């Protein structure tokens, strides 16, 4: 089973291609990014709270005639502020069943839901949330998709949380689902897991203006040699 050691090993491999100054710059960028994300999340929480208060004050005819619709809207706003409390509200008002499958369907549809909040809920470590994550991943159909397409579809449905352990669990589930639907691509889900992380890191690097020396295709291929149970992946799969 993949672990944090796998991701750390990949990062160390990538760092071999960076100068000390570039490594320090990357570290500074990550620190600033973490601070900025925290400030953005605070603003989102404040905006969601104000929106929820406005929603609660709504006395329009549609709300009067359809109280369930209003409760659902309030529940979504609560979810965006605090995913756990939002789900509890929707269950208490009979709008969701307290089952992993029903909650996963709600998150997968994503109507009116903040993708960061979805990622936070799916990333929780308790058994129930992990069952929701399993059901959520199974709603994705990656059949006959190349890995990049499957990754794009998966990561479009929520925002990855910031904690490495949470990302690790989510990407592990993704890798198993992808290999389940495309059994002839990789020898083991671990290969899919490692390559998926490499693609995410490459994409981040290519779209980061602070990284001047972009990773070349040859460097990417070299970095991923021997990851398929000791064998190299076909070059066309990596290009």
Protein backbone atom coordinates (compact mmCIF):
# COMPACT_ATOMS: atom_id res chain seq x y z
CA UNK A 1 0.00 0.00 0.00
CA UNK A 2 1.43 3.46 -0.89
CA UNK A 3 2.50 5.68 1.99
CA UNK A 4 3.81 9.14 2.69
CA UNK A 5 7.29 7.72 2.19
CA UNK A 6 6.41 7.18 -1.48
CA UNK A 7 5.42 10.82 -1.98
CA UNK A 8 8.47 12.04 -0.05
CA UNK A 9 10.74 9.85 -2.16
CA UNK A 10 9.25 11.33 -5.31
CA UNK A 11 9.78 14.85 -4.01
CA UNK A 12 13.40 14.07 -3.19
CA UNK A 13 13.86 12.77 -6.73
CA UNK A 14 12.42 15.97 -8.17
CA UNK A 15 14.67 18.07 -5.91
CA UNK A 16 17.72 16.47 -7.53
CA UNK A 17 16.95 18.53 -10.63
CA UNK A 18 16.76 21.80 -8.69
CA UNK A 19 19.62 24.05 -7.61
CA UNK A 20 19.88 25.00 -3.89
CA UNK A 21 18.47 28.44 -4.72
CA UNK A 22 15.55 26.87 -6.56
CA UNK A 23 14.90 24.50 -3.66
CA UNK A 24 14.86 27.43 -1.22
CA UNK A 25 12.57 29.36 -3.56
CA UNK A 26 10.23 26.37 -3.73
CA UNK A 27 10.18 26.16 0.08
CA UNK A 28 9.39 29.89 0.38
CA UNK A 29 6.62 29.58 -2.19
CA UNK A 30 5.05 26.71 -0.27
CA UNK A 31 5.11 28.69 2.98
CA UNK A 32 3.57 31.74 1.36
CA UNK A 33 1.00 29.54 -0.37
CA UNK A 34 -0.02 27.95 2.94
CA UNK A 35 -0.44 31.38 4.53
CA UNK A 36 -2.39 32.69 1.55
CA UNK A 37 -4.67 29.63 1.51
CA UNK A 38 -5.43 30.16 5.18
CA UNK A 39 -6.33 33.81 4.57
CA UNK A 40 -8.48 32.88 1.57
CA UNK A 41 -10.28 30.21 3.60
CA UNK A 42 -11.00 32.75 6.35
CA UNK A 43 -12.54 35.10 3.78
CA UNK A 44 -14.57 32.25 2.30
CA UNK A 45 -15.88 31.32 5.74
CA UNK A 46 -16.91 34.90 6.43
CA UNK A 47 -18.62 35.22 3.05
CA UNK A 48 -20.39 31.89 3.49
CA UNK A 49 -21.63 32.97 6.91
CA UNK A 50 -23.03 36.24 5.56
CA UNK A 51 -24.65 34.41 2.65
CA UNK A 52 -26.23 31.89 5.00
CA UNK A 53 -27.66 34.69 7.14
CA UNK A 54 -29.14 36.34 4.05
CA UNK A 55 -30.55 32.99 2.97
CA UNK A 56 -32.19 32.55 6.37
CA UNK A 57 -33.84 35.98 6.05
CA UNK A 58 -35.28 35.16 2.63
CA UNK A 59 -39.08 35.37 2.72
CA UNK A 60 -39.79 35.02 -1.01
CA UNK A 61 -42.81 33.15 -2.29
CA UNK A 62 -40.70 30.24 -3.52
CA UNK A 63 -39.32 29.68 -0.03
CA UNK A 64 -42.77 29.90 1.52
CA UNK A 65 -44.25 27.44 -0.91
CA UNK A 66 -41.31 25.05 -0.87
CA UNK A 67 -39.75 24.86 2.62
CA UNK A 68 -37.68 21.79 1.68
CA UNK A 69 -35.99 23.79 -1.06
CA UNK A 70 -35.10 26.50 1.43
CA UNK A 71 -33.81 23.93 3.93
CA UNK A 72 -31.64 22.36 1.23
CA UNK A 73 -30.23 25.77 0.34
CA UNK A 74 -29.48 26.51 3.99
CA UNK A 75 -27.91 23.07 4.36
CA UNK A 76 -25.58 23.72 1.44
CA UNK A 77 -24.51 27.04 2.92
CA UNK A 78 -23.89 25.38 6.27
CA UNK A 79 -21.87 22.68 4.52
CA UNK A 80 -19.68 25.30 2.86
CA UNK A 81 -18.98 26.84 6.27
CA UNK A 82 -18.60 23.57 8.18
CA UNK A 83 -19.01 20.33 6.17
CA UNK A 84 -19.79 18.17 9.19
CA UNK A 85 -22.49 20.50 10.53
CA UNK A 86 -23.95 20.94 7.06
CA UNK A 87 -24.34 17.19 6.58
CA UNK A 88 -25.86 16.86 10.06
CA UNK A 89 -28.37 19.61 9.25
CA UNK A 90 -29.43 17.92 6.02
CA UNK A 91 -29.81 14.55 7.73
CA UNK A 92 -31.79 16.04 10.63
CA UNK A 93 -34.20 17.66 8.16
CA UNK A 94 -34.69 14.46 6.19
CA UNK A 95 -32.92 15.76 3.09
CA UNK A 96 -30.12 13.20 3.23
CA UNK A 97 -29.94 9.64 4.45
CA UNK A 98 -27.21 8.93 6.95
CA UNK A 99 -25.48 6.49 4.60
CA UNK A 100 -22.15 6.76 2.74
CA UNK A 101 -23.84 6.18 -0.62
CA UNK A 102 -26.41 8.95 -0.20
CA UNK A 103 -23.89 11.48 1.08
CA UNK A 104 -21.45 10.54 -1.69
CA UNK A 105 -24.15 11.17 -4.31
CA UNK A 106 -24.83 14.58 -2.74
CA UNK A 107 -21.14 15.51 -2.87
CA UNK A 108 -20.67 14.11 -6.37
CA UNK A 109 -23.51 16.21 -7.78
CA UNK A 110 -21.95 19.17 -6.00
CA UNK A 111 -24.82 21.59 -6.61
CA UNK A 112 -24.08 24.78 -4.68
CA UNK A 113 -21.20 23.17 -2.80
CA UNK A 114 -17.74 24.60 -2.30
CA UNK A 115 -15.14 22.21 -3.73
CA UNK A 116 -12.74 22.95 -0.90
CA UNK A 117 -15.42 21.94 1.61
CA UNK A 118 -16.05 18.71 -0.33
CA UNK A 119 -12.35 17.90 -0.20
CA UNK A 120 -12.18 18.64 3.51
CA UNK A 121 -15.11 16.31 4.23
CA UNK A 122 -13.74 13.49 2.09
CA UNK A 123 -10.33 13.89 3.68
CA UNK A 124 -11.46 13.27 7.25
CA UNK A 125 -9.86 10.20 8.77
CA UNK A 126 -12.81 8.61 10.60
CA UNK A 127 -14.29 5.39 9.24
CA UNK A 128 -17.59 6.90 8.11
CA UNK A 129 -15.98 9.66 6.05
CA UNK A 130 -13.63 7.13 4.53
CA UNK A 131 -16.64 5.03 3.52
CA UNK A 132 -18.11 8.15 1.90
CA UNK A 133 -14.80 8.66 0.08
CA UNK A 134 -14.92 5.08 -1.21
CA UNK A 135 -18.48 5.56 -2.47
CA UNK A 136 -17.57 8.95 -3.97
CA UNK A 137 -14.63 7.51 -5.92
CA UNK A 138 -16.80 4.65 -7.21
CA UNK A 139 -19.19 7.18 -8.76
CA UNK A 140 -16.43 8.16 -11.19
CA UNK A 141 -16.19 6.19 -14.42
CA UNK A 142 -12.62 6.20 -15.72
CA UNK A 143 -13.14 3.40 -18.24
CA UNK A 144 -10.91 3.79 -21.33
CA UNK A 145 -9.63 7.19 -20.17
CA UNK A 146 -5.93 7.92 -20.26
CA UNK A 147 -4.53 8.69 -16.82
CA UNK A 148 -4.35 12.46 -17.34
CA UNK A 149 -8.01 12.59 -18.39
CA UNK A 150 -9.05 10.50 -15.40
CA UNK A 151 -7.04 12.71 -13.04
CA UNK A 152 -8.61 15.83 -14.50
CA UNK A 153 -12.11 14.40 -14.04
CA UNK A 154 -11.40 13.28 -10.49
CA UNK A 155 -9.73 16.49 -9.31
CA UNK A 156 -12.42 18.63 -10.93
CA UNK A 157 -15.04 17.19 -8.57
CA UNK A 158 -13.38 18.56 -5.41
CA UNK A 159 -10.33 20.47 -4.20
CA UNK A 160 -7.47 18.48 -2.72
CA UNK A 161 -6.94 19.35 0.97
CA UNK A 162 -3.61 20.71 2.12
CA UNK A 163 -2.55 17.85 4.38
CA UNK A 164 -0.26 15.27 2.78
CA UNK A 165 -1.88 12.33 4.61
CA UNK A 166 -5.32 13.27 3.28
CA UNK A 167 -4.02 13.63 -0.26
CA UNK A 168 -2.25 10.30 0.11
CA UNK A 169 -5.50 8.49 1.01
CA UNK A 170 -7.49 10.14 -1.76
CA UNK A 171 -4.95 9.40 -4.46
CA UNK A 172 -4.65 5.81 -3.25
CA UNK A 173 -8.41 5.35 -3.73
CA UNK A 174 -8.19 7.00 -7.15
CA UNK A 175 -5.37 4.68 -8.24
CA UNK A 176 -7.27 1.56 -7.21
CA UNK A 177 -10.42 2.73 -8.99
CA UNK A 178 -8.53 3.60 -12.17
CA UNK A 179 -6.76 0.23 -12.24
CA UNK A 180 -10.02 -1.59 -11.50
CA UNK A 181 -11.59 -0.07 -14.61
CA UNK A 182 -8.42 -0.24 -16.73
CA UNK A 183 -6.68 -3.45 -15.61
CA UNK A 184 -4.26 -3.66 -18.56
CA UNK A 185 -2.51 -0.31 -18.08
CA UNK A 186 -0.37 -0.87 -14.97
CA UNK A 187 0.97 -3.96 -13.23
CA UNK A 188 -0.08 -2.62 -9.81
CA UNK A 189 -2.14 0.29 -8.43
CA UNK A 190 1.03 1.58 -6.73
CA UNK A 191 2.36 2.45 -10.18
CA UNK A 192 -0.73 4.50 -10.94
CA UNK A 193 -0.43 6.15 -7.52
CA UNK A 194 3.21 7.20 -8.07
CA UNK A 195 2.67 8.38 -11.65
CA UNK A 196 -0.41 10.37 -10.63
CA UNK A 197 1.61 12.25 -8.03
CA UNK A 198 4.35 12.87 -10.60
CA UNK A 199 1.81 14.31 -13.04
CA UNK A 200 0.34 16.59 -10.38
CA UNK A 201 3.80 17.85 -9.42
CA UNK A 202 4.74 18.37 -13.08
CA UNK A 203 1.54 20.29 -13.76
CA UNK A 204 2.14 22.50 -10.71
CA UNK A 205 5.69 23.22 -11.85
CA UNK A 206 4.73 24.01 -15.44
CA UNK A 207 2.05 26.48 -14.36
CA UNK A 208 4.13 28.16 -11.65
CA UNK A 209 5.81 31.31 -13.05
CA UNK A 210 8.26 31.28 -10.13
CA UNK A 211 9.85 28.08 -11.48
CA UNK A 212 12.11 29.27 -14.28
CA UNK A 213 13.70 25.97 -15.31
CA UNK A 214 10.73 23.83 -16.33
CA UNK A 215 11.09 20.08 -16.16
CA UNK A 216 11.71 18.56 -19.59
CA UNK A 217 10.00 15.46 -20.94
CA UNK A 218 13.29 13.57 -20.68
CA UNK A 219 13.65 14.50 -17.01
CA UNK A 220 10.07 13.41 -16.37
CA UNK A 221 10.67 10.07 -18.07
CA UNK A 222 13.93 9.56 -16.17
CA UNK A 223 12.24 10.34 -12.86
CA UNK A 224 9.62 7.65 -13.50
CA UNK A 225 11.87 4.83 -14.64
CA UNK A 226 11.26 1.47 -13.01
CA UNK A 227 8.07 2.47 -11.21
CA UNK A 228 5.93 -0.26 -12.79
CA UNK A 229 6.91 -3.05 -10.41
CA UNK A 230 10.54 -2.56 -11.42
CA UNK A 231 9.83 -2.17 -15.13
CA UNK A 232 9.74 0.99 -17.22
CA UNK A 233 6.43 2.28 -18.49
CA UNK A 234 6.02 2.67 -22.27
CA UNK A 235 7.41 6.01 -23.39
CA UNK A 236 4.15 6.89 -25.17
CA UNK A 237 2.34 6.61 -21.84
CA UNK A 238 4.62 9.25 -20.29
CA UNK A 239 4.77 11.74 -23.16
